[in-house]
PDB file of N, CA and C in Angstrom:
ATOM      1  N   UNK A   1      71.298 -70.690  61.873  1.00  0.00           N
ATOM      2  CA  UNK A   1      71.801 -69.948  61.232  1.00  0.00           C
ATOM      3  C   UNK A   1      71.710 -70.124  59.832  1.00  0.00           C
ATOM      4  N   UNK A   2      71.589 -68.759  58.844  1.00  0.00           N
ATOM      5  CA  UNK A   2      71.332 -69.053  57.101  1.00  0.00           C
ATOM      6  C   UNK A   2      73.089 -69.080  57.224  1.00  0.00           C
ATOM      7  N   UNK A   3      73.239 -69.728  55.577  1.00  0.00           N
ATOM      8  CA  UNK A   3      74.939 -69.309  55.405  1.00  0.00           C
ATOM      9  C   UNK A   3      74.370 -68.456  53.695  1.00  0.00           C
ATOM     10  N   UNK A   4      73.108 -67.601  53.849  1.00  0.00           N
ATOM     11  CA  UNK A   4      73.171 -67.245  52.612  1.00  0.00           C
ATOM     12  C   UNK A   4      73.206 -65.598  52.908  1.00  0.00           C
ATOM     13  N   UNK A   5      73.460 -64.580  52.758  1.00  0.00           N
ATOM     14  CA  UNK A   5      73.935 -63.153  52.587  1.00  0.00           C
ATOM     15  C   UNK A   5      72.084 -62.796  52.243  1.00  0.00           C
ATOM     16  N   UNK A   6      71.245 -62.809  52.989  1.00  0.00           N
ATOM     17  CA  UNK A   6      69.798 -62.660  52.493  1.00  0.00           C
ATOM     18  C   UNK A   6      69.795 -61.141  52.217  1.00  0.00           C
ATOM     19  N   UNK A   7      70.937 -59.603  51.970  1.00  0.00           N
ATOM     20  CA  UNK A   7      70.770 -58.493  51.926  1.00  0.00           C
ATOM     21  C   UNK A   7      71.243 -58.561  50.631  1.00  0.00           C
ATOM     22  N   UNK A   8      71.918 -59.612  49.667  1.00  0.00           N
ATOM     23  CA  UNK A   8      72.939 -59.975  48.278  1.00  0.00           C
ATOM     24  C   UNK A   8      71.909 -59.347  47.550  1.00  0.00           C
ATOM     25  N   UNK A   9      72.754 -58.042  46.590  1.00  0.00           N
ATOM     26  CA  UNK A   9      72.278 -57.444  45.817  1.00  0.00           C
ATOM     27  C   UNK A   9      72.790 -57.267  44.412  1.00  0.00           C
ATOM     28  N   UNK A  10      72.971 -57.620  42.814  1.00  0.00           N
ATOM     29  CA  UNK A  10      73.806 -57.693  42.264  1.00  0.00           C
ATOM     30  C   UNK A  10      74.259 -55.813  41.886  1.00  0.00           C
ATOM     31  N   UNK A  11      75.258 -55.293  41.951  1.00  0.00           N
ATOM     32  CA  UNK A  11      75.229 -54.444  41.911  1.00  0.00           C
ATOM     33  C   UNK A  11      74.499 -53.417  40.756  1.00  0.00           C
ATOM     34  N   UNK A  12      74.244 -54.012  39.602  1.00  0.00           N
ATOM     35  CA  UNK A  12      73.551 -53.141  38.260  1.00  0.00           C
ATOM     36  C   UNK A  12      71.938 -53.255  38.523  1.00  0.00           C
ATOM     37  N   UNK A  13      71.520 -53.485  39.972  1.00  0.00           N
ATOM     38  CA  UNK A  13      70.281 -53.782  40.350  1.00  0.00           C
ATOM     39  C   UNK A  13      69.331 -54.796  39.442  1.00  0.00           C
ATOM     40  N   UNK A  14      70.137 -55.460  38.359  1.00  0.00           N
ATOM     41  CA  UNK A  14      69.461 -56.711  37.659  1.00  0.00           C
ATOM     42  C   UNK A  14      68.751 -57.784  38.456  1.00  0.00           C
ATOM     43  N   UNK A  15      69.249 -58.066  39.466  1.00  0.00           N
ATOM     44  CA  UNK A  15      68.419 -58.640  40.363  1.00  0.00           C
ATOM     45  C   UNK A  15      67.979 -58.177  42.079  1.00  0.00           C
ATOM     46  N   UNK A  16      67.996 -56.917  41.998  1.00  0.00           N
ATOM     47  CA  UNK A  16      67.922 -56.556  43.164  1.00  0.00           C
ATOM     48  C   UNK A  16      66.421 -56.040  43.913  1.00  0.00           C
ATOM     49  N   UNK A  17      66.626 -56.448  45.009  1.00  0.00           N
ATOM     50  CA  UNK A  17      65.334 -56.146  45.757  1.00  0.00           C
ATOM     51  C   UNK A  17      64.190 -57.171  45.804  1.00  0.00           C
ATOM     52  N   UNK A  18      64.726 -58.150  44.934  1.00  0.00           N
ATOM     53  CA  UNK A  18      64.189 -59.841  44.840  1.00  0.00           C
ATOM     54  C   UNK A  18      64.547 -60.915  45.789  1.00  0.00           C
ATOM     55  N   UNK A  19      63.353 -61.756  45.970  1.00  0.00           N
ATOM     56  CA  UNK A  19      64.130 -62.619  47.337  1.00  0.00           C
ATOM     57  C   UNK A  19      64.708 -63.786  46.310  1.00  0.00           C
ATOM     58  N   UNK A  20      65.673 -64.412  46.974  1.00  0.00           N
ATOM     59  CA  UNK A  20      66.516 -65.070  46.629  1.00  0.00           C
ATOM     60  C   UNK A  20      66.039 -66.310  46.064  1.00  0.00           C
ATOM     61  N   UNK A  21      65.396 -67.062  47.326  1.00  0.00           N
ATOM     62  CA  UNK A  21      64.758 -68.277  47.117  1.00  0.00           C
ATOM     63  C   UNK A  21      63.722 -67.713  45.616  1.00  0.00           C
ATOM     64  N   UNK A  22      62.875 -67.239  45.411  1.00  0.00           N
ATOM     65  CA  UNK A  22      62.555 -66.650  43.890  1.00  0.00           C
ATOM     66  C   UNK A  22      63.429 -66.625  42.838  1.00  0.00           C
ATOM     67  N   UNK A  23      64.744 -66.271  43.143  1.00  0.00           N
ATOM     68  CA  UNK A  23      65.994 -66.085  41.767  1.00  0.00           C
ATOM     69  C   UNK A  23      66.018 -67.514  41.859  1.00  0.00           C
ATOM     70  N   UNK A  24      66.401 -68.422  42.774  1.00  0.00           N
ATOM     71  CA  UNK A  24      66.712 -69.871  42.316  1.00  0.00           C
ATOM     72  C   UNK A  24      66.008 -70.492  42.245  1.00  0.00           C
ATOM     73  N   UNK A  25      64.244 -69.829  42.494  1.00  0.00           N
ATOM     74  CA  UNK A  25      63.516 -71.255  41.630  1.00  0.00           C
ATOM     75  C   UNK A  25      62.958 -71.127  40.418  1.00  0.00           C
ATOM     76  N   UNK A  26      63.620 -69.988  39.770  1.00  0.00           N
ATOM     77  CA  UNK A  26      63.515 -69.401  38.220  1.00  0.00           C
ATOM     78  C   UNK A  26      64.516 -69.613  37.312  1.00  0.00           C
ATOM     79  N   UNK A  27      66.080 -69.778  38.068  1.00  0.00           N
ATOM     80  CA  UNK A  27      67.176 -70.332  37.722  1.00  0.00           C
ATOM     81  C   UNK A  27      67.011 -71.740  37.352  1.00  0.00           C
ATOM     82  N   UNK A  28      66.410 -72.511  38.402  1.00  0.00           N
ATOM     83  CA  UNK A  28      66.813 -73.514  38.249  1.00  0.00           C
ATOM     84  C   UNK A  28      65.197 -74.037  36.487  1.00  0.00           C
ATOM     85  N   UNK A  29      64.501 -73.756  36.863  1.00  0.00           N
ATOM     86  CA  UNK A  29      63.332 -73.216  36.012  1.00  0.00           C
ATOM     87  C   UNK A  29      63.751 -73.492  34.548  1.00  0.00           C
ATOM     88  N   UNK A  30      64.679 -72.111  34.293  1.00  0.00           N
ATOM     89  CA  UNK A  30      65.273 -72.298  32.917  1.00  0.00           C
ATOM     90  C   UNK A  30      66.697 -72.814  32.355  1.00  0.00           C
ATOM     91  N   UNK A  31      67.127 -73.686  33.482  1.00  0.00           N
ATOM     92  CA  UNK A  31      68.510 -74.424  33.159  1.00  0.00           C
ATOM     93  C   UNK A  31      68.458 -75.422  31.973  1.00  0.00           C
ATOM     94  N   UNK A  32      67.832 -75.467  30.929  1.00  0.00           N
ATOM     95  CA  UNK A  32      67.264 -76.431  30.268  1.00  0.00           C
ATOM     96  C   UNK A  32      67.347 -76.177  28.835  1.00  0.00           C
ATOM     97  N   UNK A  33      68.189 -76.463  27.949  1.00  0.00           N
ATOM     98  CA  UNK A  33      68.433 -75.914  26.500  1.00  0.00           C
ATOM     99  C   UNK A  33      67.313 -75.364  25.852  1.00  0.00           C
ATOM    100  N   UNK A  34      65.976 -76.327  25.748  1.00  0.00           N
ATOM    101  CA  UNK A  34      64.810 -76.949  25.435  1.00  0.00           C
ATOM    102  C   UNK A  34      64.356 -75.269  25.831  1.00  0.00           C
ATOM    103  N   UNK A  35      64.114 -74.659  27.113  1.00  0.00           N
ATOM    104  CA  UNK A  35      63.610 -73.875  27.697  1.00  0.00           C
ATOM    105  C   UNK A  35      64.154 -72.424  27.379  1.00  0.00           C
ATOM    106  N   UNK A  36      65.522 -72.949  27.007  1.00  0.00           N
ATOM    107  CA  UNK A  36      66.424 -70.865  27.203  1.00  0.00           C
ATOM    108  C   UNK A  36      65.715 -71.213  25.541  1.00  0.00           C
ATOM    109  N   UNK A  37      65.802 -72.006  24.403  1.00  0.00           N
ATOM    110  CA  UNK A  37      65.219 -71.616  23.214  1.00  0.00           C
ATOM    111  C   UNK A  37      63.590 -70.913  23.404  1.00  0.00           C
ATOM    112  N   UNK A  38      62.901 -71.772  24.457  1.00  0.00           N
ATOM    113  CA  UNK A  38      61.257 -71.311  24.353  1.00  0.00           C
ATOM    114  C   UNK A  38      61.630 -69.493  25.084  1.00  0.00           C
ATOM    115  N   UNK A  39      62.270 -69.393  25.766  1.00  0.00           N
ATOM    116  CA  UNK A  39      62.701 -68.037  26.536  1.00  0.00           C
ATOM    117  C   UNK A  39      62.665 -66.898  25.382  1.00  0.00           C
ATOM    118  N   UNK A  40      63.790 -67.217  24.575  1.00  0.00           N
ATOM    119  CA  UNK A  40      64.098 -66.460  23.119  1.00  0.00           C
ATOM    120  C   UNK A  40      62.922 -66.305  22.360  1.00  0.00           C
ATOM    121  N   UNK A  41      62.164 -67.479  22.131  1.00  0.00           N
ATOM    122  CA  UNK A  41      60.961 -67.263  21.194  1.00  0.00           C
ATOM    123  C   UNK A  41      60.200 -65.958  22.020  1.00  0.00           C
ATOM    124  N   UNK A  42      60.210 -66.187  23.267  1.00  0.00           N
ATOM    125  CA  UNK A  42      59.252 -65.567  24.119  1.00  0.00           C
ATOM    126  C   UNK A  42      59.857 -63.758  24.063  1.00  0.00           C
ATOM    127  N   UNK A  43      61.215 -63.802  23.978  1.00  0.00           N
ATOM    128  CA  UNK A  43      61.916 -62.699  24.478  1.00  0.00           C
ATOM    129  C   UNK A  43      61.458 -61.675  23.276  1.00  0.00           C
ATOM    130  N   UNK A  44      60.875 -62.114  21.932  1.00  0.00           N
ATOM    131  CA  UNK A  44      60.145 -60.767  21.099  1.00  0.00           C
ATOM    132  C   UNK A  44      58.698 -60.058  21.423  1.00  0.00           C
ATOM    133  N   UNK A  45      58.009 -61.129  22.333  1.00  0.00           N
ATOM    134  CA  UNK A  45      56.900 -60.720  23.030  1.00  0.00           C
ATOM    135  C   UNK A  45      56.139 -61.729  23.249  1.00  0.00           C
ATOM    136  N   UNK A  46      54.797 -61.986  23.476  1.00  0.00           N
ATOM    137  CA  UNK A  46      53.297 -62.467  23.715  1.00  0.00           C
ATOM    138  C   UNK A  46      53.518 -63.404  22.238  1.00  0.00           C
ATOM    139  N   UNK A  47      53.658 -65.158  22.505  1.00  0.00           N
ATOM    140  CA  UNK A  47      53.437 -65.851  21.216  1.00  0.00           C
ATOM    141  C   UNK A  47      52.036 -67.301  21.800  1.00  0.00           C
ATOM    142  N   UNK A  48      51.905 -67.699  20.799  1.00  0.00           N
ATOM    143  CA  UNK A  48      50.568 -69.261  21.049  1.00  0.00           C
ATOM    144  C   UNK A  48      52.056 -70.221  20.898  1.00  0.00           C
ATOM    145  N   UNK A  49      51.651 -71.360  21.442  1.00  0.00           N
ATOM    146  CA  UNK A  49      52.315 -72.770  22.032  1.00  0.00           C
ATOM    147  C   UNK A  49      52.625 -72.984  20.483  1.00  0.00           C
ATOM    148  N   UNK A  50      51.824 -72.975  19.369  1.00  0.00           N
ATOM    149  CA  UNK A  50      51.890 -73.407  18.084  1.00  0.00           C
ATOM    150  C   UNK A  50      53.109 -72.564  17.207  1.00  0.00           C
ATOM    151  N   UNK A  51      53.502 -71.536  17.418  1.00  0.00           N
ATOM    152  CA  UNK A  51      54.240 -70.269  17.140  1.00  0.00           C
ATOM    153  C   UNK A  51      55.350 -71.516  17.926  1.00  0.00           C
ATOM    154  N   UNK A  52      56.040 -71.240  19.392  1.00  0.00           N
ATOM    155  CA  UNK A  52      57.030 -71.957  20.016  1.00  0.00           C
ATOM    156  C   UNK A  52      57.281 -72.966  19.374  1.00  0.00           C
ATOM    157  N   UNK A  53      56.073 -74.315  18.801  1.00  0.00           N
ATOM    158  CA  UNK A  53      56.478 -75.598  18.718  1.00  0.00           C
ATOM    159  C   UNK A  53      57.554 -74.959  16.997  1.00  0.00           C
ATOM    160  N   UNK A  54      57.115 -73.980  16.040  1.00  0.00           N
ATOM    161  CA  UNK A  54      57.700 -74.026  15.191  1.00  0.00           C
ATOM    162  C   UNK A  54      58.802 -73.490  15.006  1.00  0.00           C
ATOM    163  N   UNK A  55      59.618 -72.247  16.476  1.00  0.00           N
ATOM    164  CA  UNK A  55      60.471 -71.812  16.520  1.00  0.00           C
ATOM    165  C   UNK A  55      61.434 -72.521  16.627  1.00  0.00           C
ATOM    166  N   UNK A  56      60.744 -73.664  17.894  1.00  0.00           N
ATOM    167  CA  UNK A  56      61.849 -74.179  18.435  1.00  0.00           C
ATOM    168  C   UNK A  56      61.963 -75.525  17.989  1.00  0.00           C
ATOM    169  N   UNK A  57      61.265 -76.253  16.731  1.00  0.00           N
ATOM    170  CA  UNK A  57      61.506 -77.267  16.286  1.00  0.00           C
ATOM    171  C   UNK A  57      61.064 -78.550  17.273  1.00  0.00           C
ATOM    172  N   UNK A  58      60.482 -78.731  17.943  1.00  0.00           N
ATOM    173  CA  UNK A  58      60.285 -79.965  18.489  1.00  0.00           C
ATOM    174  C   UNK A  58      58.623 -80.265  18.900  1.00  0.00           C
ATOM    175  N   UNK A  59      58.241 -81.248  19.403  1.00  0.00           N
ATOM    176  CA  UNK A  59      56.525 -81.116  19.444  1.00  0.00           C
ATOM    177  C   UNK A  59      55.550 -80.344  19.887  1.00  0.00           C
ATOM    178  N   UNK A  60      54.704 -80.360  20.541  1.00  0.00           N
ATOM    179  CA  UNK A  60      53.943 -79.364  21.636  1.00  0.00           C
ATOM    180  C   UNK A  60      53.769 -80.057  22.484  1.00  0.00           C
ATOM    181  N   UNK A  61      53.510 -81.401  22.595  1.00  0.00           N
ATOM    182  CA  UNK A  61      53.837 -82.136  23.920  1.00  0.00           C
ATOM    183  C   UNK A  61      55.170 -81.717  24.925  1.00  0.00           C
ATOM    184  N   UNK A  62      55.781 -81.826  23.940  1.00  0.00           N
ATOM    185  CA  UNK A  62      57.268 -81.487  25.051  1.00  0.00           C
ATOM    186  C   UNK A  62      57.892 -79.958  25.375  1.00  0.00           C
ATOM    187  N   UNK A  63      57.033 -79.272  24.198  1.00  0.00           N
ATOM    188  CA  UNK A  63      56.950 -77.514  24.656  1.00  0.00           C
ATOM    189  C   UNK A  63      56.207 -77.243  25.492  1.00  0.00           C
ATOM    190  N   UNK A  64      54.976 -78.248  25.469  1.00  0.00           N
ATOM    191  CA  UNK A  64      54.097 -77.791  27.125  1.00  0.00           C
ATOM    192  C   UNK A  64      54.194 -78.121  28.224  1.00  0.00           C
ATOM    193  N   UNK A  65      54.754 -79.252  27.905  1.00  0.00           N
ATOM    194  CA  UNK A  65      55.420 -79.888  29.405  1.00  0.00           C
ATOM    195  C   UNK A  65      56.708 -78.865  29.846  1.00  0.00           C
ATOM    196  N   UNK A  66      57.364 -78.316  29.237  1.00  0.00           N
ATOM    197  CA  UNK A  66      58.510 -77.438  29.212  1.00  0.00           C
ATOM    198  C   UNK A  66      57.943 -76.188  30.223  1.00  0.00           C
ATOM    199  N   UNK A  67      56.890 -75.689  29.063  1.00  0.00           N
ATOM    200  CA  UNK A  67      55.598 -74.308  29.908  1.00  0.00           C
ATOM    201  C   UNK A  67      55.415 -74.891  31.448  1.00  0.00           C
ATOM    202  N   UNK A  68      54.566 -75.893  31.471  1.00  0.00           N
ATOM    203  CA  UNK A  68      54.272 -75.927  32.616  1.00  0.00           C
ATOM    204  C   UNK A  68      55.335 -75.619  33.612  1.00  0.00           C
ATOM    205  N   UNK A  69      56.707 -76.172  33.763  1.00  0.00           N
ATOM    206  CA  UNK A  69      57.734 -76.123  34.627  1.00  0.00           C
ATOM    207  C   UNK A  69      57.993 -74.591  34.515  1.00  0.00           C
ATOM    208  N   UNK A  70      57.575 -73.854  33.925  1.00  0.00           N
ATOM    209  CA  UNK A  70      58.274 -72.792  33.896  1.00  0.00           C
ATOM    210  C   UNK A  70      57.421 -71.502  34.157  1.00  0.00           C
ATOM    211  N   UNK A  71      55.925 -72.040  34.113  1.00  0.00           N
ATOM    212  CA  UNK A  71      54.913 -71.649  34.330  1.00  0.00           C
ATOM    213  C   UNK A  71      54.738 -71.264  36.313  1.00  0.00           C
ATOM    214  N   UNK A  72      54.885 -73.042  36.433  1.00  0.00           N
ATOM    215  CA  UNK A  72      54.908 -73.417  37.964  1.00  0.00           C
ATOM    216  C   UNK A  72      55.926 -72.448  38.594  1.00  0.00           C
ATOM    217  N   UNK A  73      56.929 -72.312  38.327  1.00  0.00           N
ATOM    218  CA  UNK A  73      57.825 -71.552  38.886  1.00  0.00           C
ATOM    219  C   UNK A  73      57.671 -69.805  38.824  1.00  0.00           C
ATOM    220  N   UNK A  74      56.943 -69.387  38.196  1.00  0.00           N
ATOM    221  CA  UNK A  74      56.748 -67.894  38.233  1.00  0.00           C
ATOM    222  C   UNK A  74      57.636 -67.030  36.576  1.00  0.00           C
ATOM    223  N   UNK A  75      58.000 -67.993  35.721  1.00  0.00           N
ATOM    224  CA  UNK A  75      58.741 -67.834  35.095  1.00  0.00           C
ATOM    225  C   UNK A  75      58.068 -66.995  33.570  1.00  0.00           C
ATOM    226  N   UNK A  76      56.968 -67.831  33.407  1.00  0.00           N
ATOM    227  CA  UNK A  76      55.853 -67.295  32.422  1.00  0.00           C
ATOM    228  C   UNK A  76      54.483 -67.567  32.557  1.00  0.00           C
ATOM    229  N   UNK A  77      53.671 -66.804  32.357  1.00  0.00           N
ATOM    230  CA  UNK A  77      52.236 -66.975  32.226  1.00  0.00           C
ATOM    231  C   UNK A  77      51.523 -67.037  31.205  1.00  0.00           C
ATOM    232  N   UNK A  78      50.360 -67.396  31.174  1.00  0.00           N
ATOM    233  CA  UNK A  78      49.632 -68.176  30.263  1.00  0.00           C
ATOM    234  C   UNK A  78      48.580 -67.704  30.259  1.00  0.00           C
ATOM    235  N   UNK A  79      47.797 -67.046  28.793  1.00  0.00           N
ATOM    236  CA  UNK A  79      46.009 -66.721  28.512  1.00  0.00           C
ATOM    237  C   UNK A  79      45.843 -67.186  27.769  1.00  0.00           C
ATOM    238  N   UNK A  80      44.281 -68.032  27.459  1.00  0.00           N
ATOM    239  CA  UNK A  80      43.969 -68.474  26.588  1.00  0.00           C
ATOM    240  C   UNK A  80      42.975 -67.501  25.936  1.00  0.00           C
ATOM    241  N   UNK A  81      43.057 -67.823  24.065  1.00  0.00           N
ATOM    242  CA  UNK A  81      41.680 -67.069  23.640  1.00  0.00           C
ATOM    243  C   UNK A  81      41.690 -68.306  22.888  1.00  0.00           C
ATOM    244  N   UNK A  82      40.126 -68.035  22.657  1.00  0.00           N
ATOM    245  CA  UNK A  82      39.653 -69.201  22.018  1.00  0.00           C
ATOM    246  C   UNK A  82      40.355 -70.845  21.857  1.00  0.00           C
ATOM    247  N   UNK A  83      40.476 -71.109  21.163  1.00  0.00           N
ATOM    248  CA  UNK A  83      41.495 -72.465  20.985  1.00  0.00           C
ATOM    249  C   UNK A  83      43.338 -72.225  21.621  1.00  0.00           C
ATOM    250  N   UNK A  84      43.688 -71.324  21.397  1.00  0.00           N
ATOM    251  CA  UNK A  84      44.668 -70.696  21.108  1.00  0.00           C
ATOM    252  C   UNK A  84      45.178 -70.190  22.608  1.00  0.00           C
ATOM    253  N   UNK A  85      46.855 -70.857  23.358  1.00  0.00           N
ATOM    254  CA  UNK A  85      47.448 -70.651  24.566  1.00  0.00           C
ATOM    255  C   UNK A  85      48.652 -69.833  24.413  1.00  0.00           C
ATOM    256  N   UNK A  86      48.476 -68.047  24.743  1.00  0.00           N
ATOM    257  CA  UNK A  86      49.330 -67.878  24.836  1.00  0.00           C
ATOM    258  C   UNK A  86      50.503 -67.817  25.992  1.00  0.00           C
ATOM    259  N   UNK A  87      51.483 -67.207  25.817  1.00  0.00           N
ATOM    260  CA  UNK A  87      52.596 -66.819  26.803  1.00  0.00           C
ATOM    261  C   UNK A  87      53.692 -66.059  26.436  1.00  0.00           C
ATOM    262  N   UNK A  88      54.007 -65.244  27.811  1.00  0.00           N
ATOM    263  CA  UNK A  88      54.857 -64.386  27.532  1.00  0.00           C
ATOM    264  C   UNK A  88      55.462 -64.350  28.966  1.00  0.00           C
ATOM    265  N   UNK A  89      56.921 -63.645  28.936  1.00  0.00           N
ATOM    266  CA  UNK A  89      57.615 -63.987  29.672  1.00  0.00           C
ATOM    267  C   UNK A  89      57.529 -63.208  30.886  1.00  0.00           C
ATOM    268  N   UNK A  90      56.949 -63.262  32.445  1.00  0.00           N
ATOM    269  CA  UNK A  90      56.616 -62.853  33.678  1.00  0.00           C
ATOM    270  C   UNK A  90      57.103 -61.357  33.862  1.00  0.00           C
ATOM    271  N   UNK A  91      58.671 -61.740  33.974  1.00  0.00           N
ATOM    272  CA  UNK A  91      59.703 -60.491  34.673  1.00  0.00           C
ATOM    273  C   UNK A  91      60.602 -60.544  33.484  1.00  0.00           C
ATOM    274  N   UNK A  92      61.039 -59.087  33.180  1.00  0.00           N
ATOM    275  CA  UNK A  92      61.810 -58.673  31.987  1.00  0.00           C
ATOM    276  C   UNK A  92      63.578 -59.162  32.620  1.00  0.00           C
ATOM    277  N   UNK A  93      63.216 -59.432  33.736  1.00  0.00           N
ATOM    278  CA  UNK A  93      64.607 -59.273  34.268  1.00  0.00           C
ATOM    279  C   UNK A  93      65.376 -60.955  34.153  1.00  0.00           C
ATOM    280  N   UNK A  94      64.486 -61.576  33.794  1.00  0.00           N
ATOM    281  CA  UNK A  94      65.009 -63.051  33.586  1.00  0.00           C
ATOM    282  C   UNK A  94      65.284 -63.029  32.078  1.00  0.00           C
ATOM    283  N   UNK A  95      64.528 -62.568  31.183  1.00  0.00           N
ATOM    284  CA  UNK A  95      65.181 -62.247  29.685  1.00  0.00           C
ATOM    285  C   UNK A  95      66.258 -61.390  29.576  1.00  0.00           C
ATOM    286  N   UNK A  96      67.281 -60.358  30.670  1.00  0.00           N
ATOM    287  CA  UNK A  96      67.972 -59.750  30.510  1.00  0.00           C
ATOM    288  C   UNK A  96      68.855 -60.826  31.078  1.00  0.00           C
ATOM    289  N   UNK A  97      68.767 -61.649  32.077  1.00  0.00           N
ATOM    290  CA  UNK A  97      69.692 -62.200  32.348  1.00  0.00           C
ATOM    291  C   UNK A  97      69.939 -63.299  31.767  1.00  0.00           C
ATOM    292  N   UNK A  98      69.183 -63.898  30.587  1.00  0.00           N
ATOM    293  CA  UNK A  98      69.767 -64.796  29.619  1.00  0.00           C
ATOM    294  C   UNK A  98      70.917 -63.887  28.437  1.00  0.00           C
ATOM    295  N   UNK A  99      69.906 -62.691  28.093  1.00  0.00           N
ATOM    296  CA  UNK A  99      70.342 -62.172  27.062  1.00  0.00           C
ATOM    297  C   UNK A  99      71.894 -61.653  27.566  1.00  0.00           C
ATOM    298  N   UNK A 100      72.160 -61.460  28.715  1.00  0.00           N
ATOM    299  CA  UNK A 100      73.547 -60.964  29.229  1.00  0.00           C
ATOM    300  C   UNK A 100      74.339 -61.677  29.062  1.00  0.00           C
ATOM    301  N   UNK A 101      74.090 -63.087  28.738  1.00  0.00           N
ATOM    302  CA  UNK A 101      75.311 -64.217  28.675  1.00  0.00           C
ATOM    303  C   UNK A 101      75.805 -64.221  27.385  1.00  0.00           C
ATOM    304  N   UNK A 102      77.230 -64.147  26.965  1.00  0.00           N
ATOM    305  CA  UNK A 102      77.890 -64.277  26.131  1.00  0.00           C
ATOM    306  C   UNK A 102      77.726 -65.525  25.608  1.00  0.00           C
ATOM    307  N   UNK A 103      77.692 -66.506  26.356  1.00  0.00           N
ATOM    308  CA  UNK A 103      77.370 -68.099  25.878  1.00  0.00           C
ATOM    309  C   UNK A 103      76.264 -68.660  24.770  1.00  0.00           C
ATOM    310  N   UNK A 104      75.104 -67.838  25.204  1.00  0.00           N
ATOM    311  CA  UNK A 104      73.642 -68.190  24.736  1.00  0.00           C
ATOM    312  C   UNK A 104      73.338 -66.598  23.890  1.00  0.00           C
ATOM    313  N   UNK A 105      73.096 -66.984  22.785  1.00  0.00           N
ATOM    314  CA  UNK A 105      72.714 -65.660  21.604  1.00  0.00           C
ATOM    315  C   UNK A 105      71.226 -66.324  21.301  1.00  0.00           C
ATOM    316  N   UNK A 106      70.398 -64.887  21.730  1.00  0.00           N
ATOM    317  CA  UNK A 106      69.379 -65.141  20.994  1.00  0.00           C
ATOM    318  C   UNK A 106      68.996 -65.042  19.473  1.00  0.00           C
ATOM    319  N   UNK A 107      69.938 -64.566  18.945  1.00  0.00           N
ATOM    320  CA  UNK A 107      69.517 -63.920  17.611  1.00  0.00           C
ATOM    321  C   UNK A 107      69.045 -65.239  16.712  1.00  0.00           C
TER     322      UNK A 107
END
């Protein structure tokens, strides 16, 4: 018997009709300060890794590791164009969730 109410939905529909497991994976994937900064950078739209490095202010290797975690958990998607890799947020609900937190401001 599960301890979770699998019919649980947020009142405003932000996470309505999604599976609890995928929500849990996404929340774990974004639960790092640097990943939240990366999401803020991606909030403006698709950007390449170098643009993220410039915006966030750390090494490309570090950014790539964090992007890999978020990609494996279904938070971001990548595409390659020539020698650049571009990333974007898969589900806008993630961005709304991050943006709705009064403790975190993407501006």
